N, C-alpha and C. Protein backbone atom coordinates (compact mmCIF):
# COMPACT_ATOMS: atom_id res chain seq x y z
N MET A 1 -8.59 -4.19 -5.64
CA MET A 1 -8.07 -4.86 -4.46
C MET A 1 -8.56 -4.86 -3.39
N SER A 2 -8.94 -5.62 -2.55
CA SER A 2 -10.10 -5.71 -1.94
C SER A 2 -9.88 -5.82 -0.41
N PRO A 3 -10.26 -5.25 0.40
CA PRO A 3 -9.93 -5.04 1.75
C PRO A 3 -9.08 -6.63 2.52
N SER A 4 -9.67 -7.53 1.78
CA SER A 4 -8.85 -9.14 2.74
C SER A 4 -7.72 -9.18 2.44
N THR A 5 -6.94 -8.66 1.15
CA THR A 5 -5.71 -8.84 1.07
C THR A 5 -4.48 -7.79 1.38
N TYR A 6 -5.29 -6.55 2.40
CA TYR A 6 -4.59 -5.93 3.03
C TYR A 6 -3.68 -6.67 4.19
N PRO A 7 -3.83 -7.33 5.27
CA PRO A 7 -3.42 -7.41 5.88
C PRO A 7 -1.94 -8.14 6.01
N GLY A 8 -1.77 -9.01 4.70
CA GLY A 8 -0.49 -9.35 3.64
C GLY A 8 0.14 -8.27 3.02
N LEU A 9 -0.75 -7.43 2.66
CA LEU A 9 0.28 -6.21 1.60
C LEU A 9 0.58 -5.34 3.12
N ILE A 10 -0.08 -5.20 4.07
CA ILE A 10 0.62 -4.65 5.28
C ILE A 10 1.63 -4.77 5.93
N ASP A 11 1.96 -6.01 5.71
CA ASP A 11 3.31 -6.95 5.98
C ASP A 11 4.22 -6.68 5.39
N PHE A 12 3.59 -6.66 4.28
CA PHE A 12 4.83 -6.46 3.02
C PHE A 12 5.06 -5.02 3.25
N LEU A 13 4.44 -4.00 3.26
CA LEU A 13 5.21 -2.34 3.20
C LEU A 13 5.86 -2.38 4.44
N GLN A 14 5.73 -2.98 5.38
CA GLN A 14 6.21 -2.31 6.71
C GLN A 14 7.51 -3.63 6.98
N GLU A 15 7.60 -4.61 6.32
CA GLU A 15 8.58 -5.54 6.14
C GLU A 15 9.71 -5.58 5.38
N ASP A 16 9.11 -5.24 3.99
CA ASP A 16 10.25 -5.29 2.66
C ASP A 16 10.29 -4.03 2.35
N LEU A 17 9.52 -3.15 3.03
CA LEU A 17 9.84 -1.90 2.16
C LEU A 17 9.82 -1.15 3.30
N ALA A 18 9.83 -0.82 4.53
CA ALA A 18 9.95 0.18 5.54
C ALA A 18 9.17 0.97 6.04
N ILE A 19 7.71 1.04 5.13
CA ILE A 19 6.99 2.11 5.21
C ILE A 19 6.36 2.14 6.39
N SER A 20 6.40 3.28 7.27
CA SER A 20 5.71 3.35 8.58
C SER A 20 4.48 3.40 9.01
N SER A 21 4.31 2.81 9.91
CA SER A 21 2.79 2.58 10.28
C SER A 21 1.76 3.60 10.31
N ALA A 22 2.52 4.79 10.54
CA ALA A 22 1.52 6.14 10.40
C ALA A 22 1.73 6.35 8.53
N SER A 23 2.61 6.17 8.10
CA SER A 23 1.96 6.15 6.75
C SER A 23 0.88 5.48 6.15
N ILE A 24 0.75 4.46 6.35
CA ILE A 24 0.08 3.17 6.29
C ILE A 24 -1.29 4.18 6.85
N ALA A 25 -1.13 3.96 7.92
CA ALA A 25 -2.70 4.72 8.69
C ALA A 25 -3.17 5.90 8.11
N VAL A 26 -2.62 6.47 7.17
CA VAL A 26 -2.75 7.82 6.70
C VAL A 26 -3.62 7.01 5.00
N ALA A 27 -2.52 6.55 4.68
CA ALA A 27 -3.65 5.93 3.34
C ALA A 27 -4.64 5.46 3.42
N LEU A 28 -4.94 4.30 5.06
CA LEU A 28 -5.95 3.71 4.99
C LEU A 28 -7.31 4.19 5.41
N ARG A 29 -6.94 5.61 6.07
CA ARG A 29 -8.14 6.79 6.20
C ARG A 29 -8.07 7.23 4.61
N ARG A 30 -7.87 7.92 3.98
CA ARG A 30 -7.99 8.29 2.70
C ARG A 30 -8.33 7.14 1.85
N SER A 31 -8.20 5.98 1.90
CA SER A 31 -8.75 5.03 0.98
C SER A 31 -10.29 5.00 1.93
N GLN A 32 -10.67 5.16 2.67
CA GLN A 32 -12.09 4.76 3.50
C GLN A 32 -12.97 6.11 3.11
N GLN A 33 -12.61 7.55 2.53
CA GLN A 33 -12.83 8.61 2.34
C GLN A 33 -13.23 8.82 0.61
N ASP A 34 -11.86 8.21 0.02
CA ASP A 34 -11.69 7.81 -1.31
C ASP A 34 -11.46 6.52 -1.78
N PRO A 35 -12.81 5.90 -1.98
CA PRO A 35 -12.24 4.64 -2.49
C PRO A 35 -10.58 4.48 -3.66
N GLY A 36 -10.18 3.90 -3.72
CA GLY A 36 -9.09 3.49 -4.46
C GLY A 36 -8.05 2.12 -3.82
N PRO A 37 -7.18 2.00 -5.02
CA PRO A 37 -6.20 0.67 -4.34
C PRO A 37 -5.32 1.58 -3.21
N LEU A 38 -4.90 0.91 -2.46
CA LEU A 38 -3.78 1.58 -1.05
C LEU A 38 -2.90 1.68 -1.82
N PRO A 39 -1.89 1.03 -3.11
CA PRO A 39 -0.65 1.18 -3.46
C PRO A 39 -0.71 2.85 -4.12
N MET A 40 -2.13 3.27 -4.94
CA MET A 40 -1.99 4.54 -5.69
C MET A 40 -1.90 5.20 -4.62
N ILE A 41 -2.76 5.10 -3.38
CA ILE A 41 -3.23 6.59 -2.44
C ILE A 41 -1.52 6.48 -2.10
N LEU A 42 -0.96 5.71 -1.33
CA LEU A 42 0.05 6.15 -0.77
C LEU A 42 1.38 6.45 -1.56
N TRP A 43 0.97 6.07 -2.96
CA TRP A 43 1.88 7.12 -4.01
C TRP A 43 1.19 8.42 -4.07
N GLN A 44 0.26 8.90 -4.44
CA GLN A 44 -0.49 10.11 -4.82
C GLN A 44 -0.12 11.07 -3.46
N TYR A 45 0.00 9.73 -2.33
CA TYR A 45 0.38 11.56 -1.13
C TYR A 45 1.74 11.46 -1.08
N GLY A 46 2.60 10.76 -1.74
CA GLY A 46 4.30 11.13 -1.51
C GLY A 46 4.67 10.10 -0.63
N LEU A 47 4.11 9.15 -0.17
CA LEU A 47 4.25 8.25 1.01
C LEU A 47 5.17 7.34 0.45
N ILE A 48 5.13 6.57 -0.56
CA ILE A 48 6.38 5.84 -1.53
C ILE A 48 6.80 6.32 -2.52
N THR A 49 7.60 5.83 -3.56
CA THR A 49 8.42 6.25 -4.62
C THR A 49 7.83 5.12 -5.86
N LEU A 50 7.71 5.83 -6.69
CA LEU A 50 7.58 5.04 -8.05
C LEU A 50 8.12 3.51 -8.03
N ASP A 51 9.23 3.82 -7.62
CA ASP A 51 9.76 1.76 -7.63
C ASP A 51 9.48 1.32 -6.34
N GLN A 52 9.15 1.39 -5.16
CA GLN A 52 8.07 0.98 -4.36
C GLN A 52 6.88 0.96 -4.47
N LEU A 53 5.90 1.59 -5.32
CA LEU A 53 5.00 1.18 -6.37
C LEU A 53 5.45 0.34 -6.98
N GLU A 54 6.12 0.14 -7.95
CA GLU A 54 6.19 -1.38 -8.81
C GLU A 54 6.20 -2.47 -8.18
N ARG A 55 7.14 -2.61 -6.83
CA ARG A 55 7.67 -3.62 -5.77
C ARG A 55 6.31 -3.91 -5.48
N ILE A 56 5.62 -3.21 -5.32
CA ILE A 56 4.06 -3.15 -4.64
C ILE A 56 3.16 -4.36 -5.49
N TYR A 57 3.43 -3.49 -6.93
CA TYR A 57 2.37 -4.31 -7.62
C TYR A 57 3.08 -5.26 -7.99
N ASP A 58 4.01 -5.77 -8.21
CA ASP A 58 4.28 -7.15 -8.51
C ASP A 58 4.71 -8.30 -7.51
N TRP A 59 4.59 -7.26 -5.96
CA TRP A 59 4.00 -8.65 -4.91
C TRP A 59 2.65 -9.15 -4.95
N LEU A 60 2.03 -7.76 -5.27
CA LEU A 60 0.52 -8.48 -5.62
C LEU A 60 0.62 -9.18 -6.68
N GLU A 61 0.93 -8.95 -7.65
CA GLU A 61 0.39 -10.28 -8.75
C GLU A 61 1.15 -11.83 -8.38
N THR A 62 2.08 -11.20 -7.78
CA THR A 62 2.95 -13.07 -7.48
C THR A 62 1.88 -13.45 -6.60
N SER A 63 1.54 -12.81 -5.63
CA SER A 63 1.16 -13.18 -4.44
C SER A 63 -0.43 -13.64 -4.25
N SER A 64 -1.12 -13.51 -5.53
CA SER A 64 -2.38 -14.00 -5.33
C SER A 64 -2.66 -14.79 -6.27
């Protein structure tokens, strides 16, 4: 996932999944230190549930 998909992804996270801006900011900082897919970082740090992770990957699949 490239950073160019982040604006749409971040909108989805905030509007559809109600993920806080603070949680997203933490994940973005972590992704700079330890590169990896943003959804996985959110899940690894306990910022989203497994169900939310599945919804994110479904959204990514349909939005590309």
